[in-house]
């Protein structure tokens, strides 16, 4: 399994942007599909976005479509989440998840089967 480390979170005003990174070590990164999830205090973890092994297909939850973009650079063993037009409701801890099975990284119920990072906090002020 890969080990994952997220970075890039912070405090931003509504309408601003952040780019999160998910750096992987320990195995061949291109074997893994990658997903981003988030969890706000008192709320369930939710799926945000996912990308296939070579980056040729992406998936998003409806509320972030057109604002967030997931990408990856397998040469750098890193996946990214570009977040634009941020809203206060995007405030959460963001986690990346990786698994060889795409279905794991797109499902909140199956994601525990994947590798997780420790998360990075995103706070959007109104």
Foldseek 3Di string as FASTA:
>chain_A
DKAWAKDWADEEAQQAKIKMKIAIDDDQLLLKKKWKWWDAPPDAIATAKIAHSQRPDMDGDPVQPPFWDWGDDSVRRMIMIIGGRDDQVVWTWMKMWIDSDRVCRRDSVNVVVTHIHPTDTHGYHD
